[in-house]
């Protein structure tokens, strides 16, 4: 008997923090509706980008097991699908080893650029 995977959705209102820079990442998010700002606290609250519906965010901490690089904050009322660490890792393990390697390189390079 197989267990059905539970999909968790959550609504964040404008200004709500989804996660904070420096926190451990135990989940990624798929934005269904709304807009999420990615903010660098280290750069004085500078907005690095805006996540739009259909985009995944928060995945880097699940790929390399390092703390969150930035804060994610709802720019407007936003609905996300939460992807837990285990579900994310299961999907990643099914991916081609070459693709997994590329993802790790991309994440490392992004972190190195952010540290400069």
Protein backbone atom coordinates (compact mmCIF):
# COMPACT_ATOMS: atom_id res chain seq x y z
CA UNK A 1 0.00 0.00 0.00
CA UNK A 2 1.52 3.35 -1.03
CA UNK A 3 1.05 6.54 0.90
CA UNK A 4 -0.31 9.52 -0.97
CA UNK A 5 1.96 12.54 -0.83
CA UNK A 6 0.31 15.47 0.92
CA UNK A 7 0.72 18.77 -0.87
CA UNK A 8 0.83 21.65 1.55
CA UNK A 9 -0.19 25.12 0.42
CA UNK A 10 0.27 28.28 2.37
CA UNK A 11 -0.82 31.88 1.88
CA UNK A 12 1.53 34.73 2.79
CA UNK A 13 0.18 38.27 3.03
CA UNK A 14 2.08 41.34 1.81
CA UNK A 15 5.12 41.84 4.02
CA UNK A 16 5.09 38.33 5.52
CA UNK A 17 8.48 36.61 5.57
CA UNK A 18 8.59 33.14 3.98
CA UNK A 19 12.15 32.50 5.23
CA UNK A 20 15.07 34.57 6.51
CA UNK A 21 18.63 34.93 5.34
CA UNK A 22 20.90 32.65 7.38
CA UNK A 23 18.20 30.14 8.35
CA UNK A 24 18.59 26.44 7.64
CA UNK A 25 16.62 25.45 4.56
CA UNK A 26 14.31 22.49 5.02
CA UNK A 27 11.91 23.18 2.17
CA UNK A 28 11.56 24.81 -1.22
CA UNK A 29 8.53 26.68 -2.54
CA UNK A 30 6.62 26.80 -5.80
CA UNK A 31 4.80 30.11 -6.23
CA UNK A 32 1.23 29.62 -7.47
CA UNK A 33 -0.11 33.17 -7.16
CA UNK A 34 1.29 36.52 -6.15
CA UNK A 35 4.87 37.81 -6.00
CA UNK A 36 7.77 37.08 -3.65
CA UNK A 37 10.71 39.45 -3.21
CA UNK A 38 14.17 38.01 -2.59
CA UNK A 39 15.96 40.45 -0.29
CA UNK A 40 19.59 40.65 0.85
CA UNK A 41 19.71 41.63 4.52
CA UNK A 42 23.51 41.77 4.26
CA UNK A 43 23.11 44.46 1.57
CA UNK A 44 20.79 46.57 3.71
CA UNK A 45 17.50 45.10 2.51
CA UNK A 46 18.29 45.37 -1.19
CA UNK A 47 15.74 43.57 -3.39
CA UNK A 48 17.68 41.08 -5.52
CA UNK A 49 14.71 39.92 -7.56
CA UNK A 50 11.02 39.14 -7.66
CA UNK A 51 9.67 35.60 -7.98
CA UNK A 52 6.64 35.24 -10.27
CA UNK A 53 3.98 32.50 -10.43
CA UNK A 54 5.25 29.16 -11.66
CA UNK A 55 8.73 29.73 -10.24
CA UNK A 56 10.58 27.67 -7.67
CA UNK A 57 12.49 29.40 -4.87
CA UNK A 58 14.33 28.36 -1.72
CA UNK A 59 15.79 25.32 -3.47
CA UNK A 60 19.48 26.25 -3.15
CA UNK A 61 19.60 25.38 0.56
CA UNK A 62 18.22 21.93 -0.28
CA UNK A 63 20.80 21.34 -3.00
CA UNK A 64 23.90 22.23 -0.98
CA UNK A 65 22.68 22.07 2.66
CA UNK A 66 23.91 25.59 3.42
CA UNK A 67 21.98 28.41 5.11
CA UNK A 68 19.59 30.61 3.17
CA UNK A 69 21.42 33.29 1.14
CA UNK A 70 18.61 35.82 1.30
CA UNK A 71 15.22 36.54 2.81
CA UNK A 72 12.03 35.75 0.89
CA UNK A 73 9.17 38.15 1.59
CA UNK A 74 5.68 38.39 0.09
CA UNK A 75 5.37 41.51 -2.06
CA UNK A 76 1.61 40.93 -2.25
CA UNK A 77 -0.74 38.19 -1.11
CA UNK A 78 0.90 35.02 -2.39
CA UNK A 79 0.07 31.32 -2.42
CA UNK A 80 2.90 28.79 -2.39
CA UNK A 81 3.15 25.01 -2.58
CA UNK A 82 5.64 23.78 0.01
CA UNK A 83 8.09 21.12 -1.14
CA UNK A 84 9.70 19.36 1.82
CA UNK A 85 13.32 18.27 1.91
CA UNK A 86 12.51 14.57 1.50
CA UNK A 87 10.27 15.07 -1.55
CA UNK A 88 12.85 17.42 -3.11
CA UNK A 89 15.69 14.96 -2.50
CA UNK A 90 13.66 12.08 -3.94
CA UNK A 91 13.08 14.05 -7.15
CA UNK A 92 16.72 15.13 -7.30
CA UNK A 93 17.96 11.54 -6.87
CA UNK A 94 15.86 10.48 -9.87
CA UNK A 95 17.55 13.11 -12.03
CA UNK A 96 20.48 12.27 -14.28
CA UNK A 97 23.78 12.40 -12.30
CA UNK A 98 25.13 14.93 -14.80
CA UNK A 99 22.19 17.26 -14.10
CA UNK A 100 22.64 16.83 -10.32
CA UNK A 101 26.30 17.75 -10.70
CA UNK A 102 25.46 20.81 -12.79
CA UNK A 103 22.95 22.00 -10.19
CA UNK A 104 25.56 21.75 -7.44
CA UNK A 105 28.06 23.70 -9.55
CA UNK A 106 25.47 26.40 -10.33
CA UNK A 107 24.57 26.78 -6.66
CA UNK A 108 28.25 26.94 -5.63
CA UNK A 109 28.94 29.58 -8.29
CA UNK A 110 25.94 31.69 -7.23
CA UNK A 111 27.04 31.57 -3.59
CA UNK A 112 30.60 32.55 -4.55
CA UNK A 113 29.34 35.50 -6.60
CA UNK A 114 27.16 36.64 -3.71
CA UNK A 115 30.15 36.53 -1.34
CA UNK A 116 32.12 39.02 -3.47
